[in-house]
């Protein structure tokens, strides 16, 4: 991909300080194949409240905890690889951003930009690498053990870079 995971993880790691609770829910789509939405909500609440023993019933109970225990906390939440609006509302609460204290930051990564239009204040589209950046990344990985081969393989390297169309994961 273009690097949504890397960017969101980097932003999360660099900005943990100053928040009352933090949670990075990685790959919501895959997590929901392994557990129910209630279990994922509970995981989110446990991390945000730093309470591994927290037991919450169905979605209604989860939203009550969100309202009662989290509304006065400044939170940092990342929902990674969300695929539909229902996942967002079930994990963050139906009331959306009105539920959270000012200063709370929520990052949602998705492949579907239209999904975010209804629920966020702003979006950031991770740009593809330009030709120089892509070549630099490719060469750093391809020639890390033998930099002497780089000059003689530059034509082939440029073909790889062109083929990747600026996608770091393809490189």
N, C-alpha and C. Protein backbone atom coordinates (compact mmCIF):
# COMPACT_ATOMS: atom_id res chain seq x y z
N UNK A 1 0.80 -1.18 0.00
CA UNK A 1 0.00 0.00 0.00
C UNK A 1 0.85 1.26 0.00
N UNK A 2 0.17 2.34 0.21
CA UNK A 2 0.81 3.65 0.15
C UNK A 2 1.48 4.02 1.47
N UNK A 3 1.12 3.36 2.56
CA UNK A 3 1.78 3.63 3.83
C UNK A 3 0.87 4.14 4.93
N UNK A 4 -0.44 3.87 4.82
CA UNK A 4 -1.38 4.34 5.85
C UNK A 4 -1.04 3.77 7.22
N UNK A 5 -0.70 2.50 7.26
CA UNK A 5 -0.37 1.85 8.52
C UNK A 5 0.87 2.47 9.14
N UNK A 6 1.89 2.66 8.33
CA UNK A 6 3.15 3.23 8.82
C UNK A 6 2.93 4.64 9.34
N UNK A 7 2.21 5.45 8.59
CA UNK A 7 1.98 6.84 9.01
C UNK A 7 1.16 6.89 10.29
N UNK A 8 0.06 6.12 10.35
CA UNK A 8 -0.79 6.17 11.55
C UNK A 8 -0.05 5.64 12.78
N UNK A 9 0.75 4.60 12.60
CA UNK A 9 1.52 4.05 13.72
C UNK A 9 2.56 5.06 14.20
N UNK A 10 3.22 5.72 13.28
CA UNK A 10 4.23 6.73 13.62
C UNK A 10 3.60 7.91 14.36
N UNK A 11 2.48 8.40 13.87
CA UNK A 11 1.78 9.51 14.53
C UNK A 11 1.36 9.09 15.94
N UNK A 12 0.85 7.88 16.07
CA UNK A 12 0.42 7.37 17.37
C UNK A 12 1.60 7.31 18.34
N UNK A 13 2.68 6.68 17.92
CA UNK A 13 3.85 6.51 18.80
C UNK A 13 4.45 7.85 19.22
N UNK A 14 4.42 8.82 18.35
CA UNK A 14 5.04 10.12 18.64
C UNK A 14 4.15 11.05 19.48
N UNK A 15 2.89 10.70 19.64
CA UNK A 15 1.96 11.61 20.31
C UNK A 15 1.23 11.01 21.50
N UNK A 16 1.79 10.00 22.12
CA UNK A 16 1.12 9.34 23.24
C UNK A 16 1.04 10.22 24.49
N UNK A 17 2.04 11.05 24.71
CA UNK A 17 2.07 11.88 25.91
C UNK A 17 0.95 12.92 25.89
N UNK A 18 0.45 13.23 27.04
CA UNK A 18 -0.56 14.28 27.14
C UNK A 18 -1.99 13.78 27.01
N UNK A 19 -2.17 12.48 26.94
CA UNK A 19 -3.52 11.92 26.84
C UNK A 19 -3.81 11.06 28.07
N UNK A 20 -5.08 11.04 28.48
CA UNK A 20 -5.49 10.25 29.64
C UNK A 20 -5.66 8.77 29.28
N UNK A 21 -5.86 8.48 28.02
CA UNK A 21 -6.00 7.11 27.56
C UNK A 21 -5.68 7.02 26.09
N UNK A 22 -5.04 5.92 25.69
CA UNK A 22 -4.64 5.73 24.29
C UNK A 22 -4.95 4.30 23.85
N UNK A 23 -5.30 4.15 22.59
CA UNK A 23 -5.52 2.81 22.04
C UNK A 23 -5.33 2.83 20.53
N UNK A 24 -4.56 1.88 20.04
CA UNK A 24 -4.38 1.67 18.60
C UNK A 24 -5.04 0.33 18.29
N UNK A 25 -6.22 0.36 17.69
CA UNK A 25 -6.88 -0.88 17.27
C UNK A 25 -6.43 -1.20 15.86
N UNK A 26 -5.54 -2.15 15.78
CA UNK A 26 -4.93 -2.50 14.51
C UNK A 26 -5.84 -3.43 13.71
N UNK A 27 -5.97 -3.13 12.45
CA UNK A 27 -6.68 -3.95 11.48
C UNK A 27 -8.06 -4.40 11.95
N UNK A 28 -8.95 -3.44 12.11
CA UNK A 28 -10.31 -3.69 12.57
C UNK A 28 -11.00 -4.75 11.71
N UNK A 29 -10.81 -4.69 10.41
CA UNK A 29 -11.44 -5.66 9.50
C UNK A 29 -11.05 -7.09 9.88
N UNK A 30 -9.77 -7.36 10.03
CA UNK A 30 -9.31 -8.71 10.37
C UNK A 30 -9.69 -9.10 11.80
N UNK A 31 -9.63 -8.15 12.72
CA UNK A 31 -10.01 -8.42 14.11
C UNK A 31 -11.46 -8.89 14.19
N UNK A 32 -12.32 -8.30 13.37
CA UNK A 32 -13.73 -8.67 13.41
C UNK A 32 -14.00 -10.04 12.78
N UNK A 33 -13.02 -10.60 12.11
CA UNK A 33 -13.14 -11.97 11.61
C UNK A 33 -12.84 -12.96 12.73
N UNK A 34 -12.10 -12.50 13.75
CA UNK A 34 -11.67 -13.37 14.85
C UNK A 34 -12.49 -13.19 16.12
N UNK A 35 -13.14 -12.04 16.26
CA UNK A 35 -13.91 -11.76 17.47
C UNK A 35 -15.12 -10.91 17.13
N UNK A 36 -16.04 -10.82 18.07
CA UNK A 36 -17.26 -10.04 17.84
C UNK A 36 -16.97 -8.55 18.04
N UNK A 37 -17.89 -7.72 17.60
CA UNK A 37 -17.75 -6.28 17.79
C UNK A 37 -17.76 -5.95 19.29
N UNK A 38 -18.54 -6.70 20.08
CA UNK A 38 -18.57 -6.48 21.53
C UNK A 38 -17.20 -6.75 22.15
N UNK A 39 -16.54 -7.80 21.70
CA UNK A 39 -15.20 -8.11 22.22
C UNK A 39 -14.20 -7.03 21.83
N UNK A 40 -14.33 -6.52 20.61
CA UNK A 40 -13.42 -5.47 20.16
C UNK A 40 -13.69 -4.16 20.92
N UNK A 41 -14.96 -3.87 21.18
CA UNK A 41 -15.30 -2.70 22.00
C UNK A 41 -14.68 -2.82 23.39
N UNK A 42 -14.79 -4.00 23.95
CA UNK A 42 -14.24 -4.24 25.29
C UNK A 42 -12.73 -4.06 25.29
N UNK A 43 -12.08 -4.54 24.25
CA UNK A 43 -10.62 -4.37 24.12
C UNK A 43 -10.27 -2.88 24.08
N UNK A 44 -11.03 -2.11 23.32
CA UNK A 44 -10.82 -0.66 23.22
C UNK A 44 -10.98 0.00 24.59
N UNK A 45 -12.07 -0.32 25.28
CA UNK A 45 -12.32 0.28 26.59
C UNK A 45 -11.26 -0.12 27.62
N UNK A 46 -10.85 -1.37 27.60
CA UNK A 46 -9.81 -1.82 28.54
C UNK A 46 -8.53 -1.03 28.35
N UNK A 47 -8.15 -0.81 27.10
CA UNK A 47 -6.93 -0.05 26.84
C UNK A 47 -7.09 1.42 27.23
N UNK A 48 -8.21 2.01 26.87
CA UNK A 48 -8.43 3.43 27.16
C UNK A 48 -8.49 3.70 28.66
N UNK A 49 -9.08 2.76 29.41
CA UNK A 49 -9.22 2.94 30.86
C UNK A 49 -8.10 2.27 31.64
N UNK A 50 -7.19 1.61 30.93
CA UNK A 50 -6.08 0.89 31.56
C UNK A 50 -6.61 -0.06 32.64
N UNK A 51 -7.60 -0.85 32.25
CA UNK A 51 -8.27 -1.76 33.17
C UNK A 51 -8.52 -3.09 32.46
N UNK A 52 -7.59 -4.01 32.58
CA UNK A 52 -7.68 -5.29 31.88
C UNK A 52 -8.82 -6.17 32.40
N UNK A 53 -9.33 -5.89 33.58
CA UNK A 53 -10.39 -6.71 34.17
C UNK A 53 -11.79 -6.20 33.85
N UNK A 54 -11.87 -5.08 33.16
CA UNK A 54 -13.17 -4.47 32.84
C UNK A 54 -14.04 -5.44 32.05
N UNK A 55 -15.25 -5.64 32.52
CA UNK A 55 -16.23 -6.48 31.83
C UNK A 55 -17.44 -5.62 31.49
N UNK A 56 -17.78 -5.55 30.23
CA UNK A 56 -18.92 -4.76 29.78
C UNK A 56 -19.81 -5.65 28.95
N UNK A 57 -21.12 -5.52 29.15
CA UNK A 57 -22.07 -6.31 28.38
C UNK A 57 -22.18 -5.81 26.95
N UNK A 58 -23.25 -6.14 26.30
CA UNK A 58 -23.49 -5.80 24.89
C UNK A 58 -23.27 -4.32 24.60
N UNK A 59 -23.43 -3.96 23.36
CA UNK A 59 -23.14 -2.60 22.87
C UNK A 59 -23.75 -1.49 23.72
N UNK A 60 -24.95 -1.69 24.23
CA UNK A 60 -25.59 -0.66 25.05
C UNK A 60 -24.75 -0.38 26.28
N UNK A 61 -24.25 -1.44 26.93
CA UNK A 61 -23.39 -1.27 28.10
C UNK A 61 -22.09 -0.59 27.75
N UNK A 62 -21.56 -0.90 26.61
CA UNK A 62 -20.32 -0.28 26.16
C UNK A 62 -20.51 1.21 25.96
N UNK A 63 -21.60 1.60 25.35
CA UNK A 63 -21.85 3.02 25.10
C UNK A 63 -22.09 3.77 26.41
N UNK A 64 -22.66 3.08 27.42
CA UNK A 64 -22.84 3.70 28.73
C UNK A 64 -21.47 3.97 29.36
N UNK A 65 -20.56 3.01 29.25
CA UNK A 65 -19.20 3.20 29.78
C UNK A 65 -18.51 4.34 29.04
N UNK A 66 -18.69 4.38 27.72
CA UNK A 66 -18.11 5.48 26.94
C UNK A 66 -18.59 6.82 27.49
N UNK A 67 -19.89 6.93 27.70
CA UNK A 67 -20.45 8.20 28.18
C UNK A 67 -20.00 8.51 29.61
N UNK A 68 -20.12 7.53 30.49
CA UNK A 68 -19.88 7.78 31.91
C UNK A 68 -18.40 7.91 32.27
N UNK A 69 -17.57 7.07 31.72
CA UNK A 69 -16.18 7.02 32.18
C UNK A 69 -15.17 7.69 31.27
N UNK A 70 -15.55 7.94 30.03
CA UNK A 70 -14.56 8.49 29.09
C UNK A 70 -14.82 9.93 28.69
N UNK A 71 -16.01 10.44 28.92
CA UNK A 71 -16.33 11.77 28.40
C UNK A 71 -15.48 12.89 28.98
N UNK A 72 -14.89 12.69 30.15
CA UNK A 72 -14.05 13.72 30.75
C UNK A 72 -12.56 13.45 30.55
N UNK A 73 -12.25 12.48 29.73
CA UNK A 73 -10.85 12.13 29.48
C UNK A 73 -10.42 12.58 28.09
N UNK A 74 -9.19 13.00 28.01
CA UNK A 74 -8.59 13.36 26.72
C UNK A 74 -7.97 12.08 26.17
N UNK A 75 -8.48 11.61 25.05
CA UNK A 75 -8.11 10.30 24.52
C UNK A 75 -7.42 10.41 23.17
N UNK A 76 -6.63 9.38 22.88
CA UNK A 76 -6.01 9.26 21.56
C UNK A 76 -6.34 7.86 21.05
N UNK A 77 -7.13 7.79 20.00
CA UNK A 77 -7.63 6.51 19.48
C UNK A 77 -7.28 6.41 18.00
N UNK A 78 -6.75 5.25 17.60
CA UNK A 78 -6.53 4.96 16.19
C UNK A 78 -7.34 3.72 15.85
N UNK A 79 -8.21 3.85 14.86
CA UNK A 79 -8.94 2.71 14.30
C UNK A 79 -8.34 2.46 12.93
N UNK A 80 -7.63 1.37 12.80
CA UNK A 80 -6.88 1.08 11.58
C UNK A 80 -7.63 0.09 10.71
N UNK A 81 -7.73 0.40 9.43
CA UNK A 81 -8.35 -0.46 8.43
C UNK A 81 -9.84 -0.71 8.72
N UNK A 82 -10.57 0.38 8.83
CA UNK A 82 -12.01 0.34 9.02
C UNK A 82 -12.66 0.25 7.64
N UNK A 83 -13.73 -0.55 7.54
CA UNK A 83 -14.34 -0.75 6.22
C UNK A 83 -15.76 -0.24 6.10
N UNK A 84 -16.41 0.08 7.23
CA UNK A 84 -17.76 0.62 7.12
C UNK A 84 -18.11 1.53 8.30
N UNK A 85 -19.14 2.32 8.09
CA UNK A 85 -19.56 3.32 9.07
C UNK A 85 -20.04 2.68 10.37
N UNK A 86 -20.65 1.51 10.27
CA UNK A 86 -21.16 0.82 11.46
C UNK A 86 -20.02 0.48 12.42
N UNK A 87 -18.88 0.06 11.88
CA UNK A 87 -17.73 -0.24 12.74
C UNK A 87 -17.34 0.99 13.55
N UNK A 88 -17.33 2.14 12.90
CA UNK A 88 -16.94 3.38 13.57
C UNK A 88 -17.95 3.72 14.67
N UNK A 89 -19.24 3.69 14.34
CA UNK A 89 -20.25 4.08 15.34
C UNK A 89 -20.30 3.09 16.50
N UNK A 90 -20.11 1.80 16.24
CA UNK A 90 -20.13 0.82 17.32
C UNK A 90 -18.90 0.94 18.22
N UNK A 91 -17.77 1.25 17.64
CA UNK A 91 -16.55 1.35 18.44
C UNK A 91 -16.43 2.69 19.17
N UNK A 92 -16.87 3.75 18.53
CA UNK A 92 -16.69 5.08 19.12
C UNK A 92 -17.95 5.65 19.76
N UNK A 93 -19.08 5.02 19.51
CA UNK A 93 -20.33 5.51 20.08
C UNK A 93 -21.16 6.24 19.04
N UNK A 94 -22.45 6.11 19.16
CA UNK A 94 -23.38 6.73 18.22
C UNK A 94 -23.29 8.25 18.22
N UNK A 95 -22.97 8.83 19.39
CA UNK A 95 -22.93 10.29 19.50
C UNK A 95 -21.73 10.90 18.79
N UNK A 96 -20.79 10.06 18.41
CA UNK A 96 -19.63 10.54 17.68
C UNK A 96 -18.77 11.48 18.51
N UNK A 97 -18.23 12.49 17.86
CA UNK A 97 -17.25 13.37 18.52
C UNK A 97 -17.83 14.16 19.68
N UNK A 98 -19.16 14.35 19.74
CA UNK A 98 -19.77 15.07 20.85
C UNK A 98 -19.56 14.34 22.18
N UNK A 99 -19.30 13.05 22.10
CA UNK A 99 -19.13 12.22 23.29
C UNK A 99 -17.78 12.45 23.97
N UNK A 100 -16.81 12.94 23.23
CA UNK A 100 -15.45 13.01 23.74
C UNK A 100 -15.04 14.42 24.14
N UNK A 101 -14.16 14.48 25.12
CA UNK A 101 -13.65 15.76 25.63
C UNK A 101 -12.84 16.47 24.55
N UNK A 102 -12.84 17.79 24.62
CA UNK A 102 -12.02 18.58 23.69
C UNK A 102 -10.56 18.17 23.86
N UNK A 103 -9.87 18.06 22.76
CA UNK A 103 -8.47 17.64 22.78
C UNK A 103 -8.29 16.18 22.44
N UNK A 104 -9.40 15.42 22.46
CA UNK A 104 -9.34 14.02 22.07
C UNK A 104 -9.01 13.94 20.58
N UNK A 105 -8.16 13.00 20.22
CA UNK A 105 -7.78 12.81 18.82
C UNK A 105 -8.15 11.39 18.40
N UNK A 106 -8.83 11.30 17.27
CA UNK A 106 -9.22 10.00 16.72
C UNK A 106 -8.74 9.95 15.28
N UNK A 107 -7.96 8.93 14.98
CA UNK A 107 -7.46 8.70 13.62
C UNK A 107 -8.12 7.43 13.10
N UNK A 108 -8.66 7.52 11.90
CA UNK A 108 -9.29 6.37 11.26
C UNK A 108 -8.61 6.16 9.92
N UNK A 109 -8.08 4.96 9.71
CA UNK A 109 -7.52 4.66 8.39
C UNK A 109 -8.47 3.73 7.65
N UNK A 110 -8.60 4.00 6.36
CA UNK A 110 -9.50 3.22 5.52
C UNK A 110 -9.07 3.37 4.07
N UNK A 111 -9.50 2.46 3.25
CA UNK A 111 -9.27 2.58 1.81
C UNK A 111 -10.41 3.34 1.14
N UNK A 112 -11.51 3.52 1.87
CA UNK A 112 -12.71 4.13 1.33
C UNK A 112 -12.86 5.57 1.84
N UNK A 113 -12.40 6.53 1.05
CA UNK A 113 -12.43 7.94 1.45
C UNK A 113 -13.86 8.42 1.71
N UNK A 114 -14.83 7.91 0.95
CA UNK A 114 -16.23 8.32 1.12
C UNK A 114 -16.75 7.97 2.52
N UNK A 115 -16.23 6.91 3.08
CA UNK A 115 -16.63 6.49 4.42
C UNK A 115 -16.34 7.59 5.45
N UNK A 116 -15.26 8.31 5.26
CA UNK A 116 -14.85 9.34 6.22
C UNK A 116 -15.60 10.65 6.06
N UNK A 117 -16.15 10.90 4.89
CA UNK A 117 -16.82 12.18 4.63
C UNK A 117 -17.89 12.52 5.67
N UNK A 118 -18.57 11.51 6.19
CA UNK A 118 -19.67 11.74 7.13
C UNK A 118 -19.21 11.87 8.58
N UNK A 119 -18.03 11.36 8.91
CA UNK A 119 -17.68 11.21 10.33
C UNK A 119 -16.44 11.96 10.81
N UNK A 120 -15.72 12.62 9.92
CA UNK A 120 -14.48 13.28 10.37
C UNK A 120 -14.46 14.76 10.01
N UNK A 121 -13.61 15.48 10.73
CA UNK A 121 -13.45 16.91 10.46
C UNK A 121 -12.50 17.16 9.30
N UNK A 122 -11.52 16.30 9.14
CA UNK A 122 -10.54 16.49 8.07
C UNK A 122 -9.91 15.17 7.69
N UNK A 123 -9.36 15.12 6.49
CA UNK A 123 -8.69 13.90 6.04
C UNK A 123 -7.27 14.23 5.59
N UNK A 124 -6.44 13.21 5.66
CA UNK A 124 -5.08 13.30 5.15
C UNK A 124 -4.89 12.12 4.21
N UNK A 125 -4.58 12.40 2.98
CA UNK A 125 -4.32 11.35 2.01
C UNK A 125 -2.81 11.16 1.93
N UNK A 126 -2.36 9.96 2.24
CA UNK A 126 -0.92 9.68 2.21
C UNK A 126 -0.46 9.73 0.76
N UNK A 127 0.47 10.63 0.45
CA UNK A 127 0.91 10.74 -0.95
C UNK A 127 1.83 9.59 -1.34
N UNK A 128 1.81 9.28 -2.60
CA UNK A 128 2.76 8.28 -3.12
C UNK A 128 4.14 8.91 -3.15
N UNK A 129 5.15 8.07 -3.17
CA UNK A 129 6.52 8.56 -3.26
C UNK A 129 6.78 9.13 -4.64
N UNK A 130 7.56 10.21 -4.70
CA UNK A 130 7.96 10.70 -6.02
C UNK A 130 9.11 9.81 -6.52
N UNK A 131 9.54 10.02 -7.74
CA UNK A 131 10.56 9.17 -8.35
C UNK A 131 11.85 9.08 -7.55
N UNK A 132 12.34 10.21 -7.06
CA UNK A 132 13.59 10.23 -6.30
C UNK A 132 13.43 9.47 -4.98
N UNK A 133 12.31 9.72 -4.27
CA UNK A 133 12.07 9.04 -3.00
C UNK A 133 11.93 7.53 -3.19
N UNK A 134 11.22 7.14 -4.24
CA UNK A 134 11.01 5.72 -4.51
C UNK A 134 12.34 5.04 -4.85
N UNK A 135 13.16 5.70 -5.65
CA UNK A 135 14.46 5.13 -6.01
C UNK A 135 15.35 5.01 -4.77
N UNK A 136 15.31 6.01 -3.92
CA UNK A 136 16.09 6.00 -2.68
C UNK A 136 15.67 4.83 -1.79
N UNK A 137 14.37 4.64 -1.64
CA UNK A 137 13.86 3.54 -0.82
C UNK A 137 14.25 2.19 -1.43
N UNK A 138 14.03 2.05 -2.72
CA UNK A 138 14.36 0.80 -3.38
C UNK A 138 15.84 0.46 -3.23
N UNK A 139 16.70 1.42 -3.50
CA UNK A 139 18.15 1.17 -3.42
C UNK A 139 18.59 0.86 -1.99
N UNK A 140 17.98 1.52 -1.01
CA UNK A 140 18.37 1.26 0.38
C UNK A 140 18.04 -0.18 0.78
N UNK A 141 16.99 -0.74 0.21
CA UNK A 141 16.62 -2.13 0.52
C UNK A 141 17.35 -3.13 -0.38
N UNK A 142 17.41 -2.83 -1.66
CA UNK A 142 17.98 -3.78 -2.62
C UNK A 142 19.49 -3.89 -2.52
N UNK A 143 20.14 -2.80 -2.14
CA UNK A 143 21.60 -2.80 -2.15
C UNK A 143 22.20 -2.57 -0.77
N UNK A 144 21.45 -2.86 0.27
CA UNK A 144 21.95 -2.61 1.63
C UNK A 144 23.15 -3.47 1.97
N UNK A 145 23.22 -4.68 1.42
CA UNK A 145 24.35 -5.56 1.73
C UNK A 145 25.51 -5.40 0.76
N UNK A 146 25.23 -4.87 -0.44
CA UNK A 146 26.30 -4.72 -1.42
C UNK A 146 26.09 -3.44 -2.23
N UNK A 147 26.43 -2.26 -1.65
CA UNK A 147 26.19 -0.99 -2.34
C UNK A 147 27.00 -0.83 -3.63
N UNK A 148 28.04 -1.62 -3.82
CA UNK A 148 28.87 -1.51 -5.03
C UNK A 148 28.09 -1.89 -6.29
N UNK A 149 27.08 -2.73 -6.17
CA UNK A 149 26.28 -3.16 -7.32
C UNK A 149 25.26 -2.12 -7.77
N UNK A 150 25.07 -1.08 -6.97
CA UNK A 150 24.01 -0.11 -7.25
C UNK A 150 24.20 0.59 -8.59
N UNK A 151 25.39 1.07 -8.88
CA UNK A 151 25.63 1.84 -10.11
C UNK A 151 25.36 1.00 -11.36
N UNK A 152 25.80 -0.24 -11.36
CA UNK A 152 25.62 -1.08 -12.55
C UNK A 152 24.18 -1.58 -12.71
N UNK A 153 23.39 -1.46 -11.67
CA UNK A 153 22.00 -1.92 -11.74
C UNK A 153 20.99 -0.78 -11.79
N UNK A 154 21.44 0.43 -12.08
CA UNK A 154 20.56 1.60 -12.02
C UNK A 154 19.42 1.53 -13.03
N UNK A 155 19.67 1.05 -14.25
CA UNK A 155 18.59 0.95 -15.25
C UNK A 155 17.48 0.03 -14.76
N UNK A 156 17.88 -1.13 -14.27
CA UNK A 156 16.90 -2.08 -13.75
C UNK A 156 16.18 -1.51 -12.52
N UNK A 157 16.92 -0.82 -11.68
CA UNK A 157 16.32 -0.19 -10.49
C UNK A 157 15.25 0.82 -10.89
N UNK A 158 15.54 1.63 -11.89
CA UNK A 158 14.57 2.62 -12.36
C UNK A 158 13.31 1.96 -12.92
N UNK A 159 13.47 0.80 -13.56
CA UNK A 159 12.30 0.07 -14.08
C UNK A 159 11.42 -0.42 -12.93
N UNK A 160 12.06 -0.94 -11.87
CA UNK A 160 11.30 -1.37 -10.70
C UNK A 160 10.53 -0.19 -10.09
N UNK A 161 11.21 0.93 -9.97
CA UNK A 161 10.60 2.13 -9.38
C UNK A 161 9.43 2.61 -10.22
N UNK A 162 9.60 2.63 -11.54
CA UNK A 162 8.50 3.04 -12.43
C UNK A 162 7.31 2.10 -12.30
N UNK A 163 7.59 0.81 -12.21
CA UNK A 163 6.54 -0.19 -12.11
C UNK A 163 5.76 -0.06 -10.80
N UNK A 164 6.42 0.35 -9.75
CA UNK A 164 5.79 0.44 -8.42
C UNK A 164 4.85 1.64 -8.28
N UNK A 165 4.91 2.56 -9.22
CA UNK A 165 4.12 3.80 -9.23
C UNK A 165 4.06 4.51 -7.87
N UNK A 166 5.19 4.51 -7.16
CA UNK A 166 5.30 5.26 -5.91
C UNK A 166 4.72 4.60 -4.69
N UNK A 167 4.37 3.32 -4.78
CA UNK A 167 3.82 2.60 -3.63
C UNK A 167 4.96 1.93 -2.85
N UNK A 168 5.23 2.37 -1.64
CA UNK A 168 6.34 1.82 -0.86
C UNK A 168 6.27 0.31 -0.68
N UNK A 169 5.08 -0.21 -0.44
CA UNK A 169 4.95 -1.65 -0.21
C UNK A 169 5.35 -2.45 -1.45
N UNK A 170 5.10 -1.91 -2.63
CA UNK A 170 5.47 -2.59 -3.87
C UNK A 170 6.98 -2.64 -4.04
N UNK A 171 7.67 -1.65 -3.48
CA UNK A 171 9.12 -1.62 -3.59
C UNK A 171 9.73 -2.64 -2.65
